[in-house]
Amino acid sequence: MNVVHELQALQRLYQSGAINQYEFHLAKAKLLRSAPEAQPSENTLPRAAVPTCAGTFETCGTRWSPGNC
């Protein structure tokens, strides 16, 4: 089960009264600590066309200005 489904299940338990607020927050924190960290994929990073020193354009994913060649 993924993290979203686990969190939804915890929310349902809390709303139904099966667990109290303290137990909900404790379980939620434990779940989020054990979840693998999300890694951004290449498709999620913005790319900008910036001029290179040679005067051509290339795709650049950095935050440095094009004048830093």
C-alpha atoms as a PDB file:
ATOM      1  CA  MET A   1       0.000   0.000   0.000  1.00  0.00           C
ATOM      2  CA  ASN A   2       1.369   3.433  -0.831  1.00  0.00           C
ATOM      3  CA  VAL A   3       1.658   6.360   1.557  1.00  0.00           C
ATOM      4  CA  VAL A   4      -1.457   8.128   0.278  1.00  0.00           C
ATOM      5  CA  HIS A   5      -3.639   5.079   0.884  1.00  0.00           C
ATOM      6  CA  GLU A   6      -2.117   4.575   4.322  1.00  0.00           C
ATOM      7  CA  LEU A   7      -2.819   8.202   5.253  1.00  0.00           C
ATOM      8  CA  GLN A   8      -6.390   7.896   3.994  1.00  0.00           C
ATOM      9  CA  ALA A   9      -6.882   4.747   6.081  1.00  0.00           C
ATOM     10  CA  LEU A  10      -5.537   6.555   9.157  1.00  0.00           C
ATOM     11  CA  GLN A  11      -7.877   9.467   8.505  1.00  0.00           C
ATOM     12  CA  ARG A  12     -10.856   7.102   8.272  1.00  0.00           C
ATOM     13  CA  LEU A  13      -9.873   5.446  11.566  1.00  0.00           C
ATOM     14  CA  TYR A  14      -9.604   8.826  13.242  1.00  0.00           C
ATOM     15  CA  GLN A  15     -12.914  10.096  11.845  1.00  0.00           C
ATOM     16  CA  SER A  16     -14.716   6.916  12.903  1.00  0.00           C
ATOM     17  CA  GLY A  17     -13.398   7.256  16.445  1.00  0.00           C
ATOM     18  CA  ALA A  18     -11.336   4.055  16.303  1.00  0.00           C
ATOM     19  CA  ILE A  19      -8.201   6.043  17.209  1.00  0.00           C
ATOM     20  CA  ASN A  20      -7.856   9.326  19.081  1.00  0.00           C
ATOM     21  CA  GLN A  21      -6.054  12.464  17.883  1.00  0.00           C
ATOM     22  CA  TYR A  22      -2.809  11.553  19.651  1.00  0.00           C
ATOM     23  CA  GLU A  23      -2.755   8.070  18.100  1.00  0.00           C
ATOM     24  CA  PHE A  24      -3.563   9.543  14.698  1.00  0.00           C
ATOM     25  CA  HIS A  25      -0.686  12.027  14.814  1.00  0.00           C
ATOM     26  CA  LEU A  26       1.705   9.422  16.192  1.00  0.00           C
ATOM     27  CA  ALA A  27       0.849   6.917  13.441  1.00  0.00           C
ATOM     28  CA  LYS A  28       0.972   9.631  10.771  1.00  0.00           C
ATOM     29  CA  ALA A  29       4.430  10.783  11.881  1.00  0.00           C
ATOM     30  CA  LYS A  30       5.708   7.213  11.923  1.00  0.00           C
ATOM     31  CA  LEU A  31       4.304   6.583   8.458  1.00  0.00           C
ATOM     32  CA  LEU A  32       5.812   9.754   7.008  1.00  0.00           C
ATOM     33  CA  ARG A  33       9.217   9.011   8.573  1.00  0.00           C
ATOM     34  CA  SER A  34       9.256   5.540   7.018  1.00  0.00           C
ATOM     35  CA  ALA A  35       8.111   6.707   3.574  1.00  0.00           C
ATOM     36  CA  PRO A  36      10.804   6.905   0.907  1.00  0.00           C
ATOM     37  CA  GLU A  37      11.655  10.482   0.001  1.00  0.00           C
ATOM     38  CA  ALA A  38      10.237  11.660  -3.270  1.00  0.00           C
ATOM     39  CA  GLN A  39      12.927  12.315  -5.832  1.00  0.00           C
ATOM     40  CA  PRO A  40      12.122  14.783  -8.599  1.00  0.00           C
ATOM     41  CA  SER A  41      12.328  13.267 -12.040  1.00  0.00           C
ATOM     42  CA  GLU A  42      13.860  15.023 -15.017  1.00  0.00           C
ATOM     43  CA  ASN A  43      10.375  15.669 -16.368  1.00  0.00           C
ATOM     44  CA  THR A  44       9.389  17.736 -13.328  1.00  0.00           C
ATOM     45  CA  LEU A  45      12.324  20.139 -13.451  1.00  0.00           C
ATOM     46  CA  PRO A  46      11.823  23.279 -15.532  1.00  0.00           C
ATOM     47  CA  ARG A  47      14.223  23.680 -18.403  1.00  0.00           C
ATOM     48  CA  ALA A  48      15.108  26.969 -20.046  1.00  0.00           C
ATOM     49  CA  ALA A  49      16.863  27.634 -23.326  1.00  0.00           C
ATOM     50  CA  VAL A  50      19.869  29.820 -22.605  1.00  0.00           C
ATOM     51  CA  PRO A  51      22.582  31.047 -24.930  1.00  0.00           C
ATOM     52  CA  THR A  52      25.968  29.377 -24.581  1.00  0.00           C
ATOM     53  CA  CYS A  53      29.309  31.120 -24.988  1.00  0.00           C
ATOM     54  CA  ALA A  54      29.375  29.976 -28.609  1.00  0.00           C
ATOM     55  CA  GLY A  55      26.138  31.858 -29.297  1.00  0.00           C
ATOM     56  CA  THR A  56      24.011  28.739 -29.741  1.00  0.00           C
ATOM     57  CA  PHE A  57      21.179  27.704 -27.456  1.00  0.00           C
ATOM     58  CA  GLU A  58      21.157  24.731 -25.130  1.00  0.00           C
ATOM     59  CA  THR A  59      18.792  23.412 -22.482  1.00  0.00           C
ATOM     60  CA  CYS A  60      19.866  24.375 -19.019  1.00  0.00           C
ATOM     61  CA  GLY A  61      18.353  23.267 -15.715  1.00  0.00           C
ATOM     62  CA  THR A  62      20.516  25.415 -13.479  1.00  0.00           C
ATOM     63  CA  ARG A  63      19.690  28.691 -11.834  1.00  0.00           C
ATOM     64  CA  TRP A  64      22.866  30.412 -12.965  1.00  0.00           C
ATOM     65  CA  SER A  65      22.517  33.219 -15.447  1.00  0.00           C
ATOM     66  CA  PRO A  66      23.719  32.668 -19.016  1.00  0.00           C
ATOM     67  CA  GLY A  67      26.365  35.365 -18.558  1.00  0.00           C
ATOM     68  CA  ASN A  68      28.434  33.083 -16.284  1.00  0.00           C
ATOM     69  CA  CYS A  69      30.198  31.193 -19.082  1.00  0.00           C
END
